[in-house]
Amino acid sequence: MNYLLAFIIICALITSAVMVMRLLQIIFLFVYRKRAKEEILVSEEQLPKVSVLIPAYNEEKVIEKTLRRITELDYPEEKIEILVINPGSKDRTGEIAREVAAQVRKKVRVIDASNDFEHHGKPRALNFALKYVQGEIIVIYDADSLVNKMAVKYLVSYLVQHPEVAMAFGMRQALNPHTFFARFGYLESLSQQLLTEAAPPKEGHKFLFSPGTNVAIRKSVLEEIGGWDDNALTEDFEISVRLHAHGYKIEYVHAALSKEEVPEKVAIWVAQRTRWARGGNHVFLKYLGQLREKLREKNFRFIYLTVLFKLIEFYAPMIALVVSDVLLILGLLEIFVFGGMGIGFFLWLIFYLLLFLQIMACLSYAREINLKNVVSALLLYFYFQLWLFVFIRVIWLDIVRAPNLWEKTERFASIGKEEE
């Protein structure tokens, strides 16, 4: 028992040390704030041809606003094409997209795909569209994205200036942080982006993973690595791992801004996070198998170990959450059973306060401190407990070998209410 307690305390101290480092990273962001906004645009003559892909399956609630906003992008008309991928939608998605295409001047095409999208989701739709792509750079947006007019120009300019970078992605903000539950998703997304993407170190010194939207990738590189994995539930994470394993860089461009919905209902959140977690597990196991093959072939490179370490980090937040919950339970037992406050509750309190300070620092950086957000920040730890349910659900689905079917995230039409 003493050894177990010592192990838990050591894990708690390590977790707290990591959280302190994360807090310092956010503080450094304030120093780098001006630099982050000084992204350089190349001249229009230097801009290559771009293909914007919008996978849209049953997206009638949001596709019109998204498509109209994308047709208003600040990018030379002769150098941009917009492809809406409509894989057999059962609503008016394709019809609405064609109506918009007929009304705007920019080159918009609606591609009807019939390649089992319902079971393979976004990656298969993107692969289907590849044969229609004419641009040197492919930019991807989800159907619920409200895109800043300069976003594509910032992403492409970064790739033009950094030929060693294969993929660049920008900042994503929440369209709908107005409901109680959606505000938690907003805080989770904000802190994740500022901590893992925007914070120092920058430019080639850390491994980043594509968010799947507001992303630009070189077509030549995409073709070299074989496109997207049709069977991936998280195609963005999977392709990022392959890019890193091939030695390519992925970078974050803060000035490239888009907005997207976050789930407003618990059931929809659970379905989305289950897909993310199962997709992450799939990528991890797939990569382990590839590592074994590389070892057998004696074709092993140090970069493979680095990628493996980053994949293991994928599970770190869950481990930290479990450790903190154990500390809370021990602390409550100390108070209500043994009549005093011991080290368990004290360590949990440190964890809780560090998490709260991290979120408040992120809100301060984003200039979003208000009463509702502060209250949500105080409750965020308890929101994270939902991840335990997702974790248990994923284990069960894997035990019963449930098929990895794509679960489309329900939209709330927030995009029609938002004005920049």
Protein backbone atom coordinates (compact mmCIF):
# COMPACT_ATOMS: atom_id res chain seq x y z
CA MET A 1 0.00 0.00 0.00
CA ASN A 2 2.83 2.38 0.89
CA TYR A 3 4.52 1.68 -2.45
CA LEU A 4 1.27 2.39 -4.30
CA LEU A 5 0.79 5.67 -2.44
CA ALA A 6 4.39 6.66 -3.14
CA PHE A 7 3.89 5.90 -6.83
CA ILE A 8 0.73 8.03 -6.95
CA ILE A 9 2.48 10.91 -5.19
CA ILE A 10 5.42 10.75 -7.62
CA CYS A 11 2.99 10.77 -10.57
CA ALA A 12 1.20 13.75 -9.03
CA LEU A 13 4.44 15.68 -8.58
CA ILE A 14 5.49 14.97 -12.18
CA THR A 15 2.06 16.06 -13.41
CA SER A 16 2.25 19.26 -11.37
CA ALA A 17 5.73 20.01 -12.73
CA VAL A 18 4.46 19.60 -16.30
CA MET A 19 1.51 21.87 -15.57
CA VAL A 20 3.84 24.54 -14.17
CA MET A 21 5.88 24.34 -17.38
CA ARG A 22 2.68 24.69 -19.40
CA LEU A 23 1.74 27.73 -17.38
CA LEU A 24 5.13 29.29 -18.10
CA GLN A 25 4.61 28.58 -21.82
CA ILE A 26 1.38 30.57 -21.75
CA ILE A 27 3.15 33.43 -19.97
CA PHE A 28 5.79 33.43 -22.73
CA LEU A 29 2.94 33.77 -25.23
CA PHE A 30 2.35 37.31 -24.00
CA VAL A 31 5.96 38.11 -24.90
CA TYR A 32 5.50 36.60 -28.36
CA ARG A 33 2.05 38.15 -28.94
CA LYS A 34 3.29 40.88 -31.28
CA ARG A 35 5.51 38.48 -33.21
CA ALA A 36 2.64 36.02 -33.67
CA LYS A 37 0.58 38.68 -35.39
CA GLU A 38 3.34 39.74 -37.74
CA GLU A 39 2.89 36.98 -40.29
CA ILE A 40 4.33 38.06 -43.65
CA LEU A 41 2.29 37.85 -46.84
CA VAL A 42 4.00 37.18 -50.16
CA SER A 43 3.10 39.11 -53.30
CA GLU A 44 0.19 37.92 -55.44
CA GLU A 45 2.66 36.97 -58.18
CA GLN A 46 4.29 34.49 -55.78
CA LEU A 47 1.02 32.85 -54.75
CA PRO A 48 0.50 29.39 -56.33
CA LYS A 49 -2.80 27.95 -57.49
CA VAL A 50 -4.90 26.67 -54.60
CA SER A 51 -7.68 24.10 -54.36
CA VAL A 52 -10.05 24.55 -51.41
CA LEU A 53 -11.80 21.29 -50.45
CA ILE A 54 -15.02 21.25 -48.41
CA PRO A 55 -16.29 17.75 -47.54
CA ALA A 56 -20.04 18.15 -46.93
CA TYR A 57 -22.25 15.22 -45.95
CA ASN A 58 -25.77 16.19 -44.81
CA GLU A 59 -24.65 19.76 -44.08
CA GLU A 60 -27.70 21.73 -45.25
CA LYS A 61 -27.76 23.69 -41.98
CA VAL A 62 -24.36 25.29 -42.58
CA ILE A 63 -23.10 24.76 -46.13
CA GLU A 64 -24.54 27.93 -47.67
CA LYS A 65 -22.95 30.33 -45.20
CA THR A 66 -19.65 28.45 -45.25
CA LEU A 67 -19.47 28.35 -49.03
CA ARG A 68 -20.40 32.01 -49.46
CA ARG A 69 -17.74 33.03 -46.95
CA ILE A 70 -15.10 30.95 -48.72
CA THR A 71 -15.99 32.51 -52.08
CA GLU A 72 -15.16 35.88 -50.48
CA LEU A 73 -11.57 34.89 -49.67
CA ASP A 74 -8.90 37.47 -50.45
CA TYR A 75 -7.03 35.42 -53.06
CA PRO A 76 -6.49 35.97 -56.80
CA GLU A 77 -9.56 34.60 -58.60
CA GLU A 78 -7.51 32.99 -61.36
CA LYS A 79 -5.47 31.08 -58.76
CA ILE A 80 -8.20 29.51 -56.64
CA GLU A 81 -10.79 26.79 -57.14
CA ILE A 82 -13.37 25.65 -54.60
CA LEU A 83 -14.51 22.02 -54.57
CA VAL A 84 -17.51 20.96 -52.49
CA ILE A 85 -17.48 17.18 -52.04
CA ASN A 86 -21.05 15.89 -51.72
CA PRO A 87 -20.94 12.13 -51.09
CA GLY A 88 -24.59 11.22 -51.46
CA SER A 89 -26.06 13.58 -48.88
CA LYS A 90 -29.61 12.68 -47.93
CA ASP A 91 -30.62 16.32 -47.46
CA ARG A 92 -30.32 19.44 -49.65
CA THR A 93 -26.55 19.89 -49.23
CA GLY A 94 -25.72 19.32 -52.91
CA GLU A 95 -28.65 21.41 -54.13
CA ILE A 96 -27.76 24.35 -51.90
CA ALA A 97 -24.08 24.18 -52.90
CA ARG A 98 -25.01 24.25 -56.60
CA GLU A 99 -27.31 27.23 -56.05
CA VAL A 100 -24.45 29.16 -54.44
CA ALA A 101 -22.03 28.05 -57.18
CA ALA A 102 -24.37 29.43 -59.83
CA GLN A 103 -24.58 32.81 -58.08
CA VAL A 104 -20.91 33.57 -57.41
CA ARG A 105 -18.11 34.56 -59.76
CA LYS A 106 -15.36 32.38 -58.35
CA LYS A 107 -14.73 28.89 -59.66
CA VAL A 108 -16.88 26.58 -57.55
CA ARG A 109 -17.53 22.94 -58.38
CA VAL A 110 -19.76 20.45 -56.61
CA ILE A 111 -18.43 16.89 -56.84
CA ASP A 112 -20.89 14.08 -56.21
CA ALA A 113 -18.99 11.19 -54.66
CA SER A 114 -20.46 7.72 -54.23
CA ASN A 115 -17.69 5.76 -52.62
CA ASP A 116 -19.11 4.43 -49.32
CA PHE A 117 -18.53 7.73 -47.49
CA GLU A 118 -21.01 6.77 -44.76
CA HIS A 119 -18.63 4.08 -43.49
CA HIS A 120 -15.29 5.69 -44.23
CA GLY A 121 -16.12 9.35 -43.70
CA LYS A 122 -14.05 12.38 -44.52
CA PRO A 123 -10.75 10.73 -45.63
CA ARG A 124 -12.41 8.73 -48.41
CA ALA A 125 -14.26 11.82 -49.62
CA LEU A 126 -10.99 13.77 -49.72
CA ASN A 127 -9.21 10.99 -51.62
CA PHE A 128 -12.08 10.89 -54.13
CA ALA A 129 -11.65 14.62 -54.79
CA LEU A 130 -7.88 14.39 -55.36
CA LYS A 131 -8.27 13.49 -59.04
CA TYR A 132 -10.17 16.75 -59.60
CA VAL A 133 -7.64 18.96 -57.82
CA GLN A 134 -5.66 21.37 -60.01
CA GLY A 135 -3.90 23.46 -57.36
CA GLU A 136 -0.36 23.06 -56.03
CA ILE A 137 -1.66 23.63 -52.51
CA ILE A 138 -4.74 21.93 -51.06
CA VAL A 139 -6.63 23.78 -48.32
CA ILE A 140 -9.28 21.94 -46.30
CA TYR A 141 -12.24 23.36 -44.40
CA ASP A 142 -15.05 21.58 -42.61
CA ALA A 143 -18.57 22.45 -43.70
CA ASP A 144 -19.20 24.43 -40.50
CA SER A 145 -16.18 26.72 -40.89
CA LEU A 146 -16.54 30.48 -40.89
CA VAL A 147 -13.30 31.49 -42.58
CA ASN A 148 -11.50 34.80 -42.24
CA LYS A 149 -10.97 36.38 -45.66
CA MET A 150 -7.19 36.40 -45.25
CA ALA A 151 -6.81 32.89 -43.82
CA VAL A 152 -5.86 31.05 -47.02
CA LYS A 153 -3.46 33.78 -48.07
CA TYR A 154 -1.66 33.54 -44.70
CA LEU A 155 -1.44 29.74 -44.87
CA VAL A 156 -0.20 29.65 -48.45
CA SER A 157 2.23 32.54 -47.90
CA TYR A 158 3.80 30.60 -45.05
CA LEU A 159 4.29 27.53 -47.25
CA VAL A 160 5.78 29.67 -50.03
CA GLN A 161 8.30 31.19 -47.60
CA HIS A 162 9.13 27.85 -45.95
CA PRO A 163 9.66 25.17 -48.61
CA GLU A 164 10.74 22.68 -45.94
CA VAL A 165 7.23 22.78 -44.41
CA ALA A 166 4.70 20.33 -45.88
CA MET A 167 1.62 21.45 -43.97
CA ALA A 168 0.46 24.60 -42.21
CA PHE A 169 -2.68 25.21 -40.19
CA GLY A 170 -4.24 28.16 -38.45
CA MET A 171 -6.18 29.22 -35.37
CA ARG A 172 -9.68 27.83 -34.80
CA GLN A 173 -12.15 29.71 -32.64
CA ALA A 174 -15.52 28.51 -31.35
CA LEU A 175 -18.58 29.79 -33.19
CA ASN A 176 -21.00 28.92 -30.42
CA PRO A 177 -19.54 29.37 -26.91
CA HIS A 178 -22.88 30.78 -25.78
CA THR A 179 -24.41 27.69 -24.13
CA PHE A 180 -23.29 26.26 -20.80
CA PHE A 181 -21.90 23.00 -22.18
CA ALA A 182 -20.44 24.45 -25.39
CA ARG A 183 -18.41 26.89 -23.30
CA PHE A 184 -16.46 23.96 -21.84
CA GLY A 185 -15.59 22.80 -25.36
CA TYR A 186 -14.47 26.31 -26.19
CA LEU A 187 -12.15 26.48 -23.15
CA GLU A 188 -10.77 23.02 -23.89
CA SER A 189 -10.04 23.96 -27.51
CA LEU A 190 -8.56 27.35 -26.62
CA SER A 191 -6.17 25.95 -24.02
CA GLN A 192 -5.15 23.04 -26.25
CA GLN A 193 -4.30 25.36 -29.13
CA LEU A 194 -2.40 27.90 -27.06
CA LEU A 195 -0.49 25.25 -25.10
CA THR A 196 0.45 22.80 -27.85
CA GLU A 197 0.40 24.90 -31.03
CA ALA A 198 0.95 28.60 -30.41
CA ALA A 199 3.28 28.45 -27.40
CA PRO A 200 7.09 28.41 -27.76
CA PRO A 201 9.20 26.69 -28.98
CA LYS A 202 8.35 27.53 -32.59
CA GLU A 203 9.36 26.74 -36.16
CA GLY A 204 10.53 23.15 -36.38
CA HIS A 205 11.27 22.63 -32.69
CA LYS A 206 8.14 20.66 -31.84
CA PHE A 207 5.82 18.12 -33.39
CA LEU A 208 2.40 19.49 -34.31
CA PHE A 209 -0.66 17.61 -35.50
CA SER A 210 -3.21 18.79 -38.04
CA PRO A 211 -6.63 19.83 -36.69
CA GLY A 212 -8.30 18.66 -39.93
CA THR A 213 -9.72 22.07 -40.86
CA ASN A 214 -8.11 25.41 -41.71
CA VAL A 215 -5.22 23.32 -43.05
CA ALA A 216 -3.01 23.74 -46.13
CA ILE A 217 -0.85 20.91 -47.51
CA ARG A 218 1.34 20.60 -50.58
CA LYS A 219 -0.31 18.36 -53.18
CA SER A 220 3.05 16.87 -54.20
CA VAL A 221 3.77 15.75 -50.63
CA LEU A 222 0.26 14.38 -50.21
CA GLU A 223 0.64 12.27 -53.34
CA GLU A 224 4.09 11.11 -52.25
CA ILE A 225 2.80 9.66 -48.97
CA GLY A 226 -0.26 8.07 -50.59
CA GLY A 227 -3.07 10.48 -49.72
CA TRP A 228 -5.33 10.03 -46.71
CA ASP A 229 -5.94 6.72 -44.97
CA ASP A 230 -9.49 5.64 -45.90
CA ASN A 231 -9.85 3.65 -42.68
CA ALA A 232 -8.75 6.41 -40.30
CA LEU A 233 -11.38 7.82 -37.95
CA THR A 234 -9.05 10.76 -37.31
CA GLU A 235 -7.52 11.31 -40.73
CA ASP A 236 -5.92 14.58 -39.60
CA PHE A 237 -3.98 12.90 -36.79
CA GLU A 238 -3.03 9.91 -38.94
CA ILE A 239 -1.67 11.96 -41.84
CA SER A 240 0.27 14.17 -39.42
CA VAL A 241 2.02 11.11 -37.99
CA ARG A 242 2.94 9.91 -41.49
CA LEU A 243 4.28 13.34 -42.45
CA HIS A 244 6.51 13.44 -39.37
CA ALA A 245 7.68 9.87 -39.98
CA HIS A 246 8.70 10.93 -43.51
CA GLY A 247 10.68 13.84 -42.05
CA TYR A 248 8.29 16.62 -43.06
CA LYS A 249 7.42 19.63 -40.89
CA ILE A 250 4.01 20.90 -39.84
CA GLU A 251 3.70 24.48 -38.61
CA TYR A 252 1.11 26.72 -36.97
CA VAL A 253 0.15 30.09 -38.49
CA HIS A 254 -1.59 32.19 -35.86
CA ALA A 255 -2.90 34.84 -38.26
CA ALA A 256 -4.88 32.30 -40.34
CA LEU A 257 -8.21 32.33 -38.52
CA SER A 258 -11.39 30.32 -38.90
CA LYS A 259 -14.32 29.62 -36.61
CA GLU A 260 -16.16 26.34 -36.12
CA GLU A 261 -18.87 24.80 -33.98
CA VAL A 262 -18.28 22.89 -30.76
CA PRO A 263 -20.86 20.35 -29.49
CA GLU A 264 -23.72 21.82 -27.48
CA LYS A 265 -25.06 18.48 -26.22
CA VAL A 266 -23.34 15.84 -24.10
CA ALA A 267 -24.39 12.93 -26.34
CA ILE A 268 -22.93 14.61 -29.44
CA TRP A 269 -19.73 15.44 -27.54
CA VAL A 270 -19.37 11.81 -26.41
CA ALA A 271 -19.85 10.50 -29.96
CA GLN A 272 -17.27 12.96 -31.33
CA ARG A 273 -14.70 12.27 -28.60
CA THR A 274 -15.22 8.53 -28.95
CA ARG A 275 -14.32 8.81 -32.61
CA TRP A 276 -11.26 10.88 -31.72
CA ALA A 277 -10.11 8.41 -29.07
CA ARG A 278 -10.68 5.31 -31.21
CA GLY A 279 -8.97 7.07 -34.09
CA GLY A 280 -5.99 7.89 -31.89
CA ASN A 281 -5.74 4.27 -30.73
CA HIS A 282 -5.90 3.10 -34.35
CA VAL A 283 -3.03 5.40 -35.31
CA PHE A 284 -0.94 4.31 -32.31
CA LEU A 285 -1.37 0.58 -33.03
CA LYS A 286 -0.81 1.07 -36.74
CA TYR A 287 2.41 2.96 -36.07
CA LEU A 288 3.66 0.31 -33.62
CA GLY A 289 3.19 -2.31 -36.33
CA GLN A 290 5.15 -0.18 -38.79
CA LEU A 291 7.96 0.24 -36.24
CA ARG A 292 8.25 -3.52 -35.84
CA GLU A 293 8.55 -3.88 -39.61
CA LYS A 294 11.25 -1.19 -39.75
CA LEU A 295 13.21 -2.99 -37.02
CA ARG A 296 12.98 -6.31 -38.86
CA GLU A 297 14.10 -4.65 -42.08
CA LYS A 298 16.92 -2.85 -40.22
CA ASN A 299 15.60 0.38 -41.69
CA PHE A 300 15.16 2.25 -38.42
CA ARG A 301 15.64 6.02 -38.05
CA PHE A 302 15.75 8.15 -34.91
CA ILE A 303 12.76 10.18 -36.14
CA TYR A 304 10.58 7.08 -35.64
CA LEU A 305 11.31 7.08 -31.91
CA THR A 306 10.51 10.79 -31.69
CA VAL A 307 7.14 10.23 -33.35
CA LEU A 308 6.46 7.28 -31.03
CA PHE A 309 7.17 9.47 -28.00
CA LYS A 310 4.69 12.07 -29.27
CA LEU A 311 2.08 9.35 -29.76
CA ILE A 312 2.58 8.20 -26.17
CA GLU A 313 1.99 11.82 -25.10
CA PHE A 314 -1.49 11.40 -26.60
CA TYR A 315 -2.41 9.41 -23.47
CA ALA A 316 -0.75 11.75 -20.93
CA PRO A 317 -3.83 13.93 -20.17
CA MET A 318 -5.90 10.83 -19.37
CA ILE A 319 -3.20 9.50 -17.05
CA ALA A 320 -3.02 12.89 -15.31
CA LEU A 321 -6.80 12.93 -14.92
CA VAL A 322 -6.85 9.46 -13.35
CA VAL A 323 -4.03 10.40 -10.96
CA SER A 324 -5.85 13.57 -9.90
CA ASP A 325 -9.08 11.65 -9.32
CA VAL A 326 -7.26 9.13 -7.13
CA LEU A 327 -5.77 12.00 -5.13
CA LEU A 328 -9.22 13.56 -4.71
CA ILE A 329 -10.69 10.29 -3.45
CA LEU A 330 -7.77 9.81 -1.03
CA GLY A 331 -8.13 13.40 0.13
CA LEU A 332 -11.86 13.05 0.80
CA LEU A 333 -11.22 9.82 2.72
CA GLU A 334 -8.60 11.64 4.80
CA ILE A 335 -11.06 14.43 5.63
CA PHE A 336 -14.30 12.51 6.23
CA VAL A 337 -12.99 9.17 7.51
CA PHE A 338 -9.74 10.00 9.30
CA GLY A 339 -10.71 13.53 10.33
CA GLY A 340 -7.85 15.54 8.85
CA MET A 341 -6.41 16.95 5.66
CA GLY A 342 -3.50 14.91 4.37
CA ILE A 343 -1.17 15.03 1.40
CA GLY A 344 -3.73 13.53 -1.00
CA PHE A 345 -6.15 16.47 -0.90
CA PHE A 346 -3.28 18.97 -0.82
CA LEU A 347 -1.76 17.53 -4.03
CA TRP A 348 -5.18 17.42 -5.70
CA LEU A 349 -5.75 21.06 -4.77
CA ILE A 350 -2.42 22.02 -6.38
CA PHE A 351 -3.45 20.16 -9.55
CA TYR A 352 -6.85 21.88 -9.60
CA LEU A 353 -5.42 25.36 -9.02
CA LEU A 354 -2.75 24.90 -11.71
CA LEU A 355 -5.43 23.83 -14.19
CA PHE A 356 -7.55 26.86 -13.28
CA LEU A 357 -4.56 29.21 -13.62
CA GLN A 358 -3.73 27.73 -17.03
CA ILE A 359 -7.25 28.36 -18.29
CA MET A 360 -7.32 31.88 -16.86
CA ALA A 361 -3.98 32.67 -18.51
CA CYS A 362 -5.37 31.42 -21.83
CA LEU A 363 -8.50 33.53 -21.41
CA SER A 364 -6.37 36.55 -20.56
CA TYR A 365 -4.27 36.02 -23.69
CA ALA A 366 -7.44 35.73 -25.79
CA ARG A 367 -8.97 38.74 -23.98
CA GLU A 368 -12.02 36.63 -23.11
CA ILE A 369 -12.18 36.99 -19.33
CA ASN A 370 -15.78 37.41 -18.20
CA LEU A 371 -17.94 35.99 -15.42
CA LYS A 372 -19.35 33.09 -17.47
CA ASN A 373 -15.91 32.01 -18.64
CA VAL A 374 -14.43 32.25 -15.13
CA VAL A 375 -17.24 30.08 -13.73
CA SER A 376 -16.71 27.58 -16.56
CA ALA A 377 -12.97 27.57 -15.85
CA LEU A 378 -13.70 26.70 -12.21
CA LEU A 379 -15.87 23.78 -13.35
CA LEU A 380 -13.65 22.58 -16.20
CA TYR A 381 -11.99 19.87 -14.09
CA PHE A 382 -15.36 18.23 -13.57
CA TYR A 383 -16.18 18.53 -17.28
CA PHE A 384 -12.99 16.60 -18.00
CA GLN A 385 -14.44 13.64 -16.09
CA LEU A 386 -16.52 12.94 -19.19
CA TRP A 387 -13.29 11.81 -20.80
CA LEU A 388 -13.23 8.89 -18.32
CA PHE A 389 -16.60 7.77 -19.64
CA VAL A 390 -15.28 8.06 -23.20
CA PHE A 391 -12.18 6.08 -22.22
CA ILE A 392 -14.27 3.26 -20.74
CA ARG A 393 -16.60 3.33 -23.76
CA VAL A 394 -13.66 3.04 -26.16
CA ILE A 395 -12.22 0.08 -24.22
CA TRP A 396 -15.60 -1.67 -24.38
CA LEU A 397 -16.03 -0.99 -28.11
CA ASP A 398 -12.57 -2.39 -28.75
CA ILE A 399 -13.24 -5.48 -26.59
CA VAL A 400 -16.44 -6.31 -28.50
CA ARG A 401 -14.65 -5.37 -31.74
CA ALA A 402 -17.27 -2.85 -32.75
CA PRO A 403 -16.67 -1.62 -36.31
CA ASN A 404 -14.92 1.74 -36.66
CA LEU A 405 -17.85 3.47 -38.35
CA TRP A 406 -17.84 7.20 -38.95
CA GLU A 407 -20.19 9.09 -36.62
CA LYS A 408 -20.96 12.45 -38.17
CA THR A 409 -21.08 15.35 -35.71
CA GLU A 410 -24.47 17.05 -35.57
CA ARG A 411 -24.50 20.75 -36.49
CA PHE A 412 -26.37 23.51 -34.67
CA ALA A 413 -26.47 26.13 -37.46
CA SER A 414 -24.46 28.55 -35.30
CA ILE A 415 -22.67 29.68 -38.44
CA GLY A 416 -25.80 31.44 -39.57
CA LYS A 417 -25.90 33.52 -36.38
CA GLU A 418 -22.26 34.59 -36.26
CA GLU A 419 -21.02 37.86 -37.67
CA GLU A 420 -17.42 38.94 -37.62
